N, C-alpha and C. Protein backbone atom coordinates (compact mmCIF):
# COMPACT_ATOMS: atom_id res chain seq x y z
N UNK A 1 0.78 -1.17 -0.22
CA UNK A 1 0.22 0.24 0.01
C UNK A 1 0.75 1.19 0.23
N UNK A 2 2.06 1.03 0.63
CA UNK A 2 3.14 2.24 0.93
C UNK A 2 3.34 2.54 -0.62
N UNK A 3 3.65 1.55 -0.71
CA UNK A 3 4.64 1.78 -2.23
C UNK A 3 3.47 2.29 -3.35
N UNK A 4 2.29 1.97 -3.68
CA UNK A 4 1.37 2.46 -4.51
C UNK A 4 1.44 4.15 -4.35
N UNK A 5 1.38 4.86 -2.90
CA UNK A 5 0.89 5.65 -2.67
C UNK A 5 2.45 6.79 -3.09
N UNK A 6 3.54 6.04 -2.85
CA UNK A 6 4.84 6.45 -3.49
C UNK A 6 4.56 7.17 -5.01
N UNK A 7 4.23 5.61 -5.71
CA UNK A 7 4.47 5.47 -6.86
C UNK A 7 2.97 6.60 -7.85
N UNK A 8 1.85 6.87 -7.01
CA UNK A 8 0.83 7.87 -7.34
C UNK A 8 1.31 9.38 -6.83
N UNK A 9 2.27 9.54 -6.09
CA UNK A 9 2.79 11.00 -5.62
C UNK A 9 3.98 11.07 -6.79
N UNK A 10 4.68 10.01 -7.09
CA UNK A 10 5.26 10.59 -8.17
C UNK A 10 5.38 10.65 -9.82
N UNK A 11 4.02 10.26 -10.15
CA UNK A 11 3.20 10.02 -11.45
C UNK A 11 2.58 11.82 -10.79
N UNK A 12 2.20 12.27 -10.04
CA UNK A 12 1.13 13.39 -10.09
C UNK A 12 2.54 14.35 -10.06
N UNK A 13 3.67 14.45 -9.58
CA UNK A 13 4.96 15.27 -9.54
C UNK A 13 5.24 15.32 -11.68
N UNK A 14 5.49 14.04 -11.67
CA UNK A 14 5.70 14.30 -13.00
C UNK A 14 4.88 14.83 -14.10
N UNK A 15 3.24 14.91 -13.93
CA UNK A 15 2.26 15.45 -14.47
C UNK A 15 2.19 16.96 -14.41
N UNK A 16 2.91 17.49 -13.20
CA UNK A 16 2.24 18.78 -12.98
C UNK A 16 3.85 19.26 -13.28
N UNK A 17 5.28 18.64 -13.88
CA UNK A 17 6.45 19.05 -14.48
C UNK A 17 5.54 19.22 -15.65
N UNK A 18 5.09 18.46 -16.41
CA UNK A 18 4.84 18.24 -17.86
C UNK A 18 4.03 19.74 -18.25
N UNK A 19 3.12 19.78 -17.32
CA UNK A 19 1.75 20.89 -17.61
C UNK A 19 2.29 22.23 -17.43
N UNK A 20 3.38 22.44 -16.41
CA UNK A 20 4.22 23.82 -16.80
C UNK A 20 5.09 23.99 -17.90
N UNK A 21 5.53 22.89 -18.41
CA UNK A 21 6.23 23.12 -19.23
C UNK A 21 5.93 23.10 -20.64
N UNK A 22 4.28 22.82 -20.77
CA UNK A 22 3.58 22.36 -21.71
C UNK A 22 2.94 24.28 -21.55
N UNK A 23 2.92 24.84 -20.67
CA UNK A 23 2.20 26.11 -20.53
C UNK A 23 3.35 27.44 -20.83
N UNK A 24 4.47 26.84 -20.24
CA UNK A 24 5.34 27.56 -20.93
C UNK A 24 6.02 27.55 -22.47
N UNK A 25 5.40 26.95 -23.12
CA UNK A 25 5.75 26.77 -24.48
C UNK A 25 4.47 27.21 -25.18
N UNK A 26 3.17 27.16 -24.14
CA UNK A 26 2.46 27.89 -25.23
C UNK A 26 2.17 29.86 -24.94
N UNK A 27 3.08 30.31 -23.84
CA UNK A 27 3.11 31.68 -23.86
C UNK A 27 4.17 31.83 -25.00
N UNK A 28 4.61 31.29 -25.08
CA UNK A 28 6.01 31.50 -25.72
C UNK A 28 5.72 31.66 -27.09
N UNK A 29 4.87 30.91 -27.68
CA UNK A 29 3.94 30.55 -28.85
C UNK A 29 3.03 31.72 -29.05
N UNK A 30 2.34 31.96 -28.02
CA UNK A 30 1.36 33.06 -28.15
C UNK A 30 2.13 34.78 -28.45
N UNK A 31 3.27 34.89 -27.96
CA UNK A 31 4.48 35.62 -28.19
C UNK A 31 4.51 35.89 -29.95
N UNK A 32 4.59 34.63 -30.19
CA UNK A 32 5.59 34.53 -31.61
C UNK A 32 4.84 35.01 -32.68
N UNK A 33 3.13 34.48 -32.06
CA UNK A 33 2.05 35.02 -32.81
C UNK A 33 1.54 35.92 -32.63
N UNK A 34 1.79 36.85 -31.86
CA UNK A 34 1.52 38.31 -31.41
C UNK A 34 2.83 39.56 -32.84
N UNK A 35 3.69 38.23 -32.82
CA UNK A 35 4.49 39.41 -33.35
C UNK A 35 4.11 39.12 -35.16
N UNK A 36 4.29 38.18 -35.26
CA UNK A 36 3.69 37.73 -36.48
C UNK A 36 2.33 38.18 -37.02
N UNK A 37 1.52 38.64 -36.33
CA UNK A 37 0.13 39.39 -36.39
C UNK A 37 0.44 40.71 -36.52
N UNK A 38 1.57 41.31 -35.92
CA UNK A 38 2.05 42.66 -36.15
C UNK A 38 3.07 43.43 -37.42
N UNK A 39 3.71 41.92 -37.63
CA UNK A 39 4.35 42.25 -38.69
C UNK A 39 4.79 40.81 -39.79
N UNK A 40 3.70 40.67 -40.58
CA UNK A 40 3.44 39.63 -41.35
C UNK A 40 4.86 39.42 -42.46
N UNK A 41 5.21 40.27 -42.64
CA UNK A 41 6.54 40.07 -43.66
C UNK A 41 7.61 39.53 -42.78
N UNK A 42 8.12 39.48 -41.67
CA UNK A 42 9.04 38.76 -41.09
C UNK A 42 8.44 37.08 -41.15
N UNK A 43 9.10 36.52 -42.23
CA UNK A 43 8.90 35.07 -42.28
C UNK A 43 9.15 33.87 -40.93
N UNK A 44 10.65 34.21 -40.87
CA UNK A 44 10.97 33.44 -39.84
C UNK A 44 11.73 33.91 -38.68
N UNK A 45 11.74 33.48 -37.27
CA UNK A 45 12.27 33.39 -36.11
C UNK A 45 13.12 32.12 -35.55
N UNK A 46 13.91 32.73 -35.04
CA UNK A 46 14.36 31.59 -33.92
C UNK A 46 13.41 31.21 -33.80
N UNK A 47 13.49 29.80 -33.50
CA UNK A 47 12.45 28.87 -32.21
C UNK A 47 13.14 29.10 -30.80
N UNK A 48 12.18 29.37 -29.92
CA UNK A 48 12.87 29.13 -28.21
C UNK A 48 13.33 27.76 -28.39
N UNK A 49 14.92 27.71 -27.77
CA UNK A 49 15.75 26.57 -27.42
C UNK A 49 16.14 26.21 -28.77
N UNK A 50 16.15 26.60 -29.61
CA UNK A 50 17.01 26.20 -31.21
C UNK A 50 18.51 26.47 -30.92
N UNK A 51 18.88 25.46 -31.40
CA UNK A 51 20.15 25.63 -31.09
C UNK A 51 21.09 26.44 -32.14
N UNK A 52 21.91 27.48 -32.05
CA UNK A 52 22.89 27.92 -33.16
C UNK A 52 23.85 27.14 -33.65
N UNK A 53 24.66 27.71 -34.72
CA UNK A 53 25.77 26.66 -34.58
C UNK A 53 26.78 27.14 -33.77
N UNK A 54 27.74 25.92 -33.68
CA UNK A 54 28.51 25.75 -32.40
C UNK A 54 29.90 27.22 -33.24
N UNK A 55 29.92 27.92 -31.81
CA UNK A 55 30.68 28.67 -31.98
C UNK A 55 31.68 28.93 -30.51
N UNK A 56 31.98 30.35 -30.54
CA UNK A 56 32.86 30.81 -29.59
C UNK A 56 31.75 31.16 -28.47
N UNK A 57 31.06 32.14 -28.68
CA UNK A 57 29.95 32.56 -27.98
C UNK A 57 28.49 32.66 -29.14
N UNK A 58 27.63 32.06 -28.40
CA UNK A 58 26.04 31.97 -29.17
C UNK A 58 25.44 33.50 -29.33
N UNK A 59 25.23 34.23 -29.88
CA UNK A 59 24.32 35.03 -30.01
C UNK A 59 22.92 35.05 -30.36
N UNK A 60 22.24 35.19 -29.18
CA UNK A 60 20.74 34.93 -29.15
C UNK A 60 19.82 36.50 -29.93
N UNK A 61 18.83 35.75 -30.92
CA UNK A 61 18.03 36.87 -31.86
C UNK A 61 16.92 36.89 -31.34
N UNK A 62 16.00 37.86 -31.81
CA UNK A 62 14.65 37.77 -31.86
C UNK A 62 14.48 37.75 -30.07
N UNK A 63 13.31 36.65 -29.83
CA UNK A 63 12.44 36.54 -28.31
C UNK A 63 13.96 36.38 -27.60
N UNK A 64 14.71 35.52 -27.61
CA UNK A 64 15.63 35.30 -26.71
C UNK A 64 16.87 35.98 -26.45
N UNK A 65 16.75 37.28 -27.11
CA UNK A 65 17.55 38.17 -27.19
C UNK A 65 16.95 39.72 -26.26
N UNK A 66 16.18 39.84 -26.02
CA UNK A 66 15.24 40.41 -25.12
C UNK A 66 15.12 40.29 -23.49
N UNK A 67 15.80 40.87 -23.10
CA UNK A 67 14.97 40.68 -21.38
C UNK A 67 14.56 42.01 -20.75
N UNK A 68 13.03 41.58 -20.12
CA UNK A 68 12.54 42.35 -19.60
C UNK A 68 12.50 42.92 -17.99
N UNK A 69 12.78 43.65 -17.67
CA UNK A 69 12.69 44.14 -16.24
C UNK A 69 11.73 45.18 -15.93
N UNK A 70 11.11 44.64 -14.60
CA UNK A 70 10.14 45.54 -14.77
C UNK A 70 10.05 45.73 -13.32
N UNK A 71 10.31 47.40 -12.71
CA UNK A 71 10.25 47.76 -11.47
C UNK A 71 9.23 49.03 -11.30
N UNK A 72 8.97 49.16 -10.32
CA UNK A 72 7.92 50.65 -9.86
C UNK A 72 7.37 51.19 -10.87
N UNK A 73 8.22 51.91 -11.38
CA UNK A 73 8.05 52.94 -12.38
C UNK A 73 8.81 53.16 -13.82
N UNK A 74 8.99 51.56 -14.11
CA UNK A 74 9.74 51.06 -15.11
C UNK A 74 9.79 49.85 -15.61
N UNK A 75 9.64 50.07 -17.17
CA UNK A 75 9.73 48.62 -17.76
C UNK A 75 11.32 49.15 -18.79
N UNK A 76 11.90 47.92 -18.45
CA UNK A 76 13.17 48.00 -19.17
C UNK A 76 13.35 46.57 -20.29
N UNK A 77 13.33 46.83 -21.61
CA UNK A 77 13.99 46.34 -22.34
C UNK A 77 15.34 46.26 -22.67
N UNK A 78 16.36 45.03 -22.56
CA UNK A 78 17.59 45.29 -22.96
C UNK A 78 17.75 44.41 -24.00
N UNK A 79 18.40 44.48 -24.82
CA UNK A 79 18.57 43.61 -26.36
C UNK A 79 19.62 43.60 -26.38
N UNK A 80 20.49 42.72 -26.38
CA UNK A 80 21.90 41.88 -26.91
C UNK A 80 22.58 42.67 -28.02
N UNK A 81 23.06 43.96 -28.34
CA UNK A 81 23.92 44.53 -29.43
C UNK A 81 24.29 43.26 -30.31
N UNK A 82 24.80 42.72 -29.65
CA UNK A 82 25.10 41.62 -31.18
C UNK A 82 24.32 41.45 -31.76
N UNK A 83 22.57 41.33 -31.83
CA UNK A 83 21.53 40.54 -32.14
C UNK A 83 21.34 41.68 -33.27
N UNK A 84 21.99 42.82 -32.83
CA UNK A 84 21.28 43.88 -34.17
C UNK A 84 22.71 44.34 -34.40
N UNK A 85 23.90 44.39 -34.20
CA UNK A 85 24.79 45.22 -34.65
C UNK A 85 25.97 43.87 -35.02
N UNK A 86 26.75 44.28 -36.15
CA UNK A 86 28.19 43.52 -36.45
C UNK A 86 29.56 44.18 -35.36
N UNK A 87 30.32 43.72 -35.36
CA UNK A 87 31.43 44.41 -34.24
C UNK A 87 31.50 45.60 -34.84
N UNK A 88 31.71 46.23 -33.76
CA UNK A 88 32.43 48.03 -33.67
C UNK A 88 31.09 48.84 -35.14
N UNK A 89 29.79 48.15 -35.09
CA UNK A 89 29.25 49.07 -36.02
C UNK A 89 28.09 49.33 -35.39
N UNK A 90 27.53 50.29 -36.04
CA UNK A 90 26.37 50.77 -35.45
C UNK A 90 24.97 51.03 -36.49
N UNK A 91 25.23 50.12 -37.82
CA UNK A 91 24.13 50.04 -38.63
C UNK A 91 23.40 48.60 -38.41
N UNK A 92 22.05 48.20 -38.63
CA UNK A 92 21.20 47.34 -38.84
C UNK A 92 22.07 46.15 -39.37
N UNK A 93 22.27 45.00 -38.87
CA UNK A 93 22.66 43.71 -39.88
C UNK A 93 21.21 43.38 -40.19
N UNK A 94 21.52 42.43 -41.10
CA UNK A 94 20.26 42.00 -42.34
C UNK A 94 19.34 41.03 -41.13
N UNK A 95 19.70 40.53 -40.18
CA UNK A 95 19.04 39.90 -38.89
C UNK A 95 18.27 40.78 -37.83
N UNK A 96 18.80 41.71 -37.88
CA UNK A 96 18.19 43.08 -36.60
C UNK A 96 16.45 42.91 -36.87
N UNK A 97 15.99 43.06 -37.70
CA UNK A 97 14.79 43.01 -37.63
C UNK A 97 13.79 42.17 -36.89
N UNK A 98 14.52 40.54 -36.95
CA UNK A 98 14.22 39.50 -36.61
C UNK A 98 13.75 39.81 -34.47
N UNK A 99 14.86 40.69 -34.11
CA UNK A 99 14.67 40.92 -32.65
C UNK A 99 14.05 42.28 -32.50
N UNK A 100 13.92 43.29 -32.96
CA UNK A 100 13.51 44.41 -33.38
C UNK A 100 11.95 44.08 -33.11
N UNK A 101 11.45 43.68 -34.28
CA UNK A 101 10.01 43.50 -33.96
C UNK A 101 9.59 42.45 -32.97
N UNK A 102 10.19 42.28 -32.00
CA UNK A 102 10.00 42.00 -30.42
C UNK A 102 9.22 42.91 -29.74
N UNK A 103 10.55 43.88 -29.88
CA UNK A 103 9.72 44.89 -29.13
C UNK A 103 8.69 45.78 -29.30
N UNK A 104 8.12 45.65 -30.27
CA UNK A 104 7.01 46.50 -30.63
C UNK A 104 5.67 46.59 -29.65
N UNK A 105 5.45 45.07 -30.07
CA UNK A 105 4.27 44.78 -29.13
C UNK A 105 5.08 44.80 -27.44
N UNK A 106 6.02 44.55 -27.08
CA UNK A 106 6.39 44.97 -25.33
C UNK A 106 6.00 46.41 -25.26
N UNK A 107 6.48 47.20 -26.46
CA UNK A 107 6.26 48.94 -26.03
C UNK A 107 4.77 49.06 -25.71
N UNK A 108 3.65 48.31 -27.15
CA UNK A 108 2.45 48.71 -27.01
C UNK A 108 1.62 48.51 -25.57
N UNK A 109 2.07 46.89 -24.95
CA UNK A 109 1.85 46.22 -23.59
C UNK A 109 1.39 47.45 -22.38
N UNK A 110 3.02 48.16 -22.94
CA UNK A 110 2.98 49.23 -21.49
C UNK A 110 2.04 50.23 -21.60
N UNK A 111 1.44 50.78 -22.70
CA UNK A 111 0.79 51.69 -23.03
C UNK A 111 1.68 53.01 -23.23
N UNK A 112 0.72 54.20 -23.54
CA UNK A 112 1.56 55.44 -23.71
C UNK A 112 2.30 56.14 -22.63
N UNK A 113 3.60 55.77 -22.78
CA UNK A 113 3.75 56.29 -21.56
C UNK A 113 5.41 57.01 -22.18
N UNK A 114 6.10 58.09 -21.44
CA UNK A 114 7.61 58.68 -22.24
C UNK A 114 8.41 56.99 -22.15
N UNK A 115 9.52 57.26 -23.21
CA UNK A 115 10.09 56.31 -23.44
C UNK A 115 11.24 57.14 -24.32
N UNK A 116 12.81 56.10 -23.32
CA UNK A 116 13.84 56.63 -23.86
C UNK A 116 14.86 55.43 -24.06
N UNK A 117 15.73 55.97 -24.96
CA UNK A 117 16.61 54.41 -25.60
C UNK A 117 18.20 54.62 -25.17
N UNK A 118 18.64 53.80 -24.24
CA UNK A 118 19.94 54.03 -23.87
C UNK A 118 21.08 52.68 -24.68
N UNK A 119 22.10 53.38 -24.93
CA UNK A 119 23.03 52.65 -25.63
C UNK A 119 23.98 52.49 -24.36
N UNK A 120 24.81 51.09 -24.35
CA UNK A 120 25.80 50.28 -23.86
C UNK A 120 26.82 49.66 -24.38
N UNK A 121 27.98 49.83 -23.76
CA UNK A 121 28.88 48.80 -24.86
C UNK A 121 29.82 48.29 -23.48
N UNK A 122 30.79 47.37 -24.01
CA UNK A 122 31.44 46.51 -23.44
C UNK A 122 32.75 47.85 -22.63
N UNK A 123 33.74 46.98 -22.12
CA UNK A 123 34.84 47.96 -21.21
C UNK A 123 36.04 47.79 -22.53
N UNK A 124 35.89 47.10 -23.67
CA UNK A 124 36.84 47.42 -24.57
C UNK A 124 37.00 48.47 -25.36
N UNK A 125 38.28 49.26 -25.49
CA UNK A 125 38.08 50.42 -26.48
C UNK A 125 38.29 52.02 -25.46
N UNK A 126 38.48 53.23 -25.54
CA UNK A 126 38.42 54.57 -25.14
C UNK A 126 36.51 54.65 -24.33
N UNK A 127 36.95 55.50 -23.32
CA UNK A 127 35.77 56.02 -23.18
C UNK A 127 35.22 56.79 -23.89
N UNK A 128 35.62 57.47 -24.38
CA UNK A 128 34.95 58.52 -25.86
C UNK A 128 34.70 57.50 -26.87
N UNK A 129 35.44 56.72 -27.43
CA UNK A 129 34.87 56.15 -28.22
C UNK A 129 33.83 55.49 -27.83
N UNK A 130 33.69 54.39 -26.62
CA UNK A 130 32.35 53.68 -26.30
C UNK A 130 31.12 54.22 -25.67
N UNK A 131 31.43 55.81 -25.75
CA UNK A 131 30.42 56.84 -25.47
C UNK A 131 29.56 56.92 -26.90
N UNK A 132 30.50 57.50 -27.66
CA UNK A 132 30.07 57.58 -29.06
C UNK A 132 29.44 56.65 -29.70
N UNK A 133 30.24 55.12 -29.73
CA UNK A 133 29.15 54.07 -30.64
C UNK A 133 27.89 53.53 -29.47
N UNK A 134 28.17 53.72 -28.29
CA UNK A 134 26.81 53.34 -27.60
C UNK A 134 25.46 54.55 -28.32
N UNK A 135 25.89 55.95 -28.02
CA UNK A 135 24.65 57.12 -28.74
C UNK A 135 24.76 56.19 -30.34
N UNK A 136 25.21 56.11 -30.83
CA UNK A 136 24.86 55.96 -32.45
C UNK A 136 24.17 54.70 -32.48
N UNK A 137 24.43 53.57 -32.18
CA UNK A 137 23.77 52.37 -31.82
C UNK A 137 22.42 52.98 -31.47
N UNK A 138 22.01 53.29 -30.15
CA UNK A 138 20.67 53.66 -29.49
C UNK A 138 19.89 54.96 -30.38
N UNK A 139 20.75 55.57 -31.48
CA UNK A 139 20.27 56.77 -32.34
C UNK A 139 19.37 55.21 -33.59
N UNK A 140 20.30 54.55 -33.93
CA UNK A 140 19.88 53.44 -34.86
C UNK A 140 18.71 52.56 -34.25
N UNK A 141 18.35 52.17 -33.47
CA UNK A 141 17.39 51.63 -32.81
C UNK A 141 16.13 52.22 -32.74
N UNK A 142 16.31 53.65 -32.33
CA UNK A 142 15.30 54.71 -32.12
C UNK A 142 15.14 54.76 -33.69
N UNK A 143 15.27 55.08 -34.72
CA UNK A 143 15.17 55.67 -36.02
C UNK A 143 14.55 54.46 -36.54
N UNK A 144 14.91 53.19 -36.24
CA UNK A 144 13.48 51.91 -36.89
C UNK A 144 12.27 52.11 -35.22
N UNK A 145 12.73 51.81 -34.52
CA UNK A 145 11.49 52.14 -33.26
C UNK A 145 10.30 53.38 -34.27
N UNK A 146 11.01 54.70 -34.44
CA UNK A 146 10.09 55.64 -35.30
C UNK A 146 9.36 55.22 -35.71
N UNK A 147 10.31 54.95 -37.19
CA UNK A 147 9.89 54.64 -38.23
C UNK A 147 8.74 53.17 -38.48
N UNK A 148 8.65 52.37 -37.34
CA UNK A 148 7.92 52.17 -37.39
C UNK A 148 6.41 52.06 -36.21
N UNK A 149 6.62 53.03 -35.42
CA UNK A 149 5.52 53.95 -34.94
C UNK A 149 5.66 52.85 -33.37
N UNK A 150 6.70 52.65 -33.15
CA UNK A 150 6.53 52.16 -31.77
C UNK A 150 7.02 53.48 -30.67
N UNK A 151 7.69 54.06 -30.77
CA UNK A 151 8.09 55.52 -29.78
C UNK A 151 8.17 56.98 -30.69
N UNK A 152 7.86 57.96 -29.69
CA UNK A 152 7.39 59.08 -30.55
C UNK A 152 8.86 59.45 -30.99
N UNK A 153 9.31 60.70 -32.19
CA UNK A 153 10.48 60.79 -32.28
C UNK A 153 10.86 61.88 -31.62
N UNK A 154 10.16 62.76 -30.76
CA UNK A 154 11.18 63.38 -29.63
C UNK A 154 11.98 62.70 -28.56
N UNK A 155 11.28 60.95 -28.39
CA UNK A 155 12.10 60.02 -27.39
C UNK A 155 13.40 60.84 -27.19
N UNK A 156 14.31 60.26 -26.38
CA UNK A 156 15.64 60.92 -26.16
C UNK A 156 16.62 59.64 -26.09
N UNK A 157 17.59 60.21 -26.11
CA UNK A 157 18.04 58.88 -25.99
C UNK A 157 19.29 58.95 -25.47
N UNK A 158 20.11 58.51 -24.74
CA UNK A 158 21.34 58.18 -23.61
C UNK A 158 22.32 57.44 -23.94
N UNK A 159 23.37 58.08 -24.17
CA UNK A 159 24.90 57.12 -24.29
C UNK A 159 25.70 57.19 -22.77
N UNK A 160 25.56 55.46 -22.49
CA UNK A 160 26.38 55.64 -21.38
C UNK A 160 27.82 54.82 -21.44
N UNK A 161 27.89 54.55 -22.76
CA UNK A 161 29.41 53.68 -23.14
C UNK A 161 29.85 52.64 -22.27
N UNK A 162 30.51 52.29 -21.79
CA UNK A 162 30.90 51.28 -20.77
C UNK A 162 30.90 51.68 -19.28
N UNK A 163 30.42 52.62 -19.17
CA UNK A 163 30.29 53.24 -17.57
C UNK A 163 28.96 52.74 -16.75
N UNK A 164 28.14 51.80 -17.33
CA UNK A 164 27.14 50.62 -16.49
C UNK A 164 27.02 49.77 -17.10
N UNK A 165 27.85 48.95 -16.61
CA UNK A 165 27.75 47.47 -16.89
C UNK A 165 27.33 46.47 -15.86
N UNK A 166 26.44 45.30 -16.40
CA UNK A 166 25.38 44.69 -16.04
C UNK A 166 26.21 43.74 -14.97
N UNK A 167 27.18 43.04 -15.92
CA UNK A 167 28.35 42.29 -15.39
C UNK A 167 29.71 43.04 -15.28
N UNK A 168 30.56 41.97 -14.90
CA UNK A 168 32.15 42.43 -14.93
C UNK A 168 32.54 42.06 -16.34
N UNK A 169 33.27 42.87 -16.89
CA UNK A 169 34.12 42.35 -18.01
C UNK A 169 35.02 41.70 -17.99
N UNK A 170 35.59 40.99 -16.96
CA UNK A 170 36.63 40.50 -16.39
C UNK A 170 36.42 39.21 -15.35
N UNK A 171 37.17 38.13 -15.74
CA UNK A 171 36.57 36.97 -14.62
C UNK A 171 37.27 37.60 -13.55
N UNK A 172 37.00 36.55 -12.18
CA UNK A 172 37.93 37.25 -10.87
C UNK A 172 39.50 37.01 -11.08
N UNK A 173 40.02 36.14 -12.05
CA UNK A 173 41.34 36.35 -11.86
C UNK A 173 41.96 37.32 -12.77
N UNK A 174 41.09 38.63 -13.33
CA UNK A 174 41.74 39.44 -14.31
C UNK A 174 41.62 39.22 -16.05
N UNK A 175 41.59 37.93 -15.78
CA UNK A 175 41.37 37.74 -17.62
C UNK A 175 40.19 37.88 -18.12
N UNK A 176 40.11 38.65 -19.70
CA UNK A 176 39.13 38.91 -20.47
C UNK A 176 38.03 37.63 -20.23
N UNK A 177 36.46 38.00 -20.25
CA UNK A 177 35.38 37.35 -20.05
C UNK A 177 34.51 37.83 -21.09
N UNK A 178 34.50 37.22 -22.17
CA UNK A 178 33.98 37.12 -23.52
C UNK A 178 32.63 36.83 -23.37
N UNK A 179 32.02 36.19 -22.47
CA UNK A 179 30.66 36.36 -22.48
C UNK A 179 29.86 37.62 -21.32
N UNK A 180 31.15 38.18 -20.67
CA UNK A 180 30.36 39.24 -19.77
C UNK A 180 30.02 40.36 -20.73
N UNK A 181 31.61 40.41 -21.40
CA UNK A 181 31.33 41.64 -22.22
C UNK A 181 30.01 41.57 -23.26
N UNK A 182 29.74 40.87 -23.63
CA UNK A 182 28.94 40.67 -24.69
C UNK A 182 27.29 40.80 -24.08
N UNK A 183 26.98 40.31 -22.73
CA UNK A 183 26.01 40.82 -22.19
C UNK A 183 26.34 42.08 -22.03
N UNK A 184 27.36 42.81 -21.84
CA UNK A 184 27.16 44.26 -21.42
C UNK A 184 26.87 45.27 -22.52
N UNK A 185 27.13 44.66 -24.09
CA UNK A 185 27.44 45.48 -25.22
C UNK A 185 25.64 45.04 -25.71
N UNK A 186 24.55 46.32 -24.87
CA UNK A 186 23.29 46.56 -25.01
C UNK A 186 22.74 47.65 -25.63
N UNK A 187 21.69 47.50 -25.72
CA UNK A 187 20.69 48.91 -26.28
C UNK A 187 19.69 48.29 -25.34
N UNK A 188 19.41 49.79 -24.09
CA UNK A 188 17.70 49.47 -23.60
C UNK A 188 16.55 50.40 -23.50
N UNK A 189 15.65 49.85 -24.18
CA UNK A 189 14.59 50.28 -24.41
C UNK A 189 13.66 50.93 -22.76
N UNK A 190 13.44 52.03 -22.30
CA UNK A 190 13.46 52.06 -20.58
C UNK A 190 11.66 53.04 -21.06
N UNK A 191 10.66 52.11 -20.44
CA UNK A 191 9.58 52.85 -20.23
C UNK A 191 9.15 53.08 -19.31
N UNK A 192 9.05 54.45 -19.23
CA UNK A 192 8.55 55.05 -17.61
C UNK A 192 7.40 55.39 -17.43
N UNK A 193 6.89 54.25 -16.59
CA UNK A 193 5.35 53.89 -16.47
C UNK A 193 4.81 54.61 -15.75
N UNK A 194 5.49 55.52 -15.06
CA UNK A 194 4.38 56.62 -13.61
C UNK A 194 4.87 57.56 -14.32
N UNK A 195 5.17 58.01 -16.20
CA UNK A 195 5.33 59.66 -16.71
C UNK A 195 4.21 59.61 -17.40
C-alpha cells in the first residue's frame, strides 16, 4: 500500500512538471503569434530553444535576445547589441529586424508612456569611443522604432558607453570574459510607466 502511494505521488509530480513546461511553451508561441500578426513580412524567427551553429559565443536573436525587467515605475527592455549590430558597427545587420519586431508589442503593452533609448558598450576601447558608439547604436534603434510607430520621434537617447556594465568584463582572475562583455553590449528601451 505504501509503495502505491509513493508511485502515485511521483506520477502526480511528473504530470505537474509536464503541464508547467507545456504552459511555458504556449506562452512563447503566443508571443511569436503576436509578433507575426504585427509584422507579417517577417517570415522566420529563431525558435525558443533552437541551437545555433557552434561557436565561441552564441548570439541570441528574436525573443531570446530581449530581457524584460519591470520595476515600480519602469519597464526596461534590454536587447543584446550582438543581435543587432556587427562588431564595432552601428548599422543594423540584415537579421536585426528579427529581434527589433519583438520590442514593438512589448512597448505597446506598456501603454502610452515616455520612452528613452539607452546605449551601452563593453569595456574594450576608450571611454570617448565607447560613448560615441553607444550613442550611434541607440540612435539607430530609435530610428527603427520611430519608423515603425513604436516610439515618438522626440524620445531621448542616452549614451552610457562602458559606464554601466550589468556584469564584469573580466573574470575574477583578471582575464578577459567574452561572455560578460557580450552581455554588457546592449541597447535598452526604457519605458517610464509613472510618466
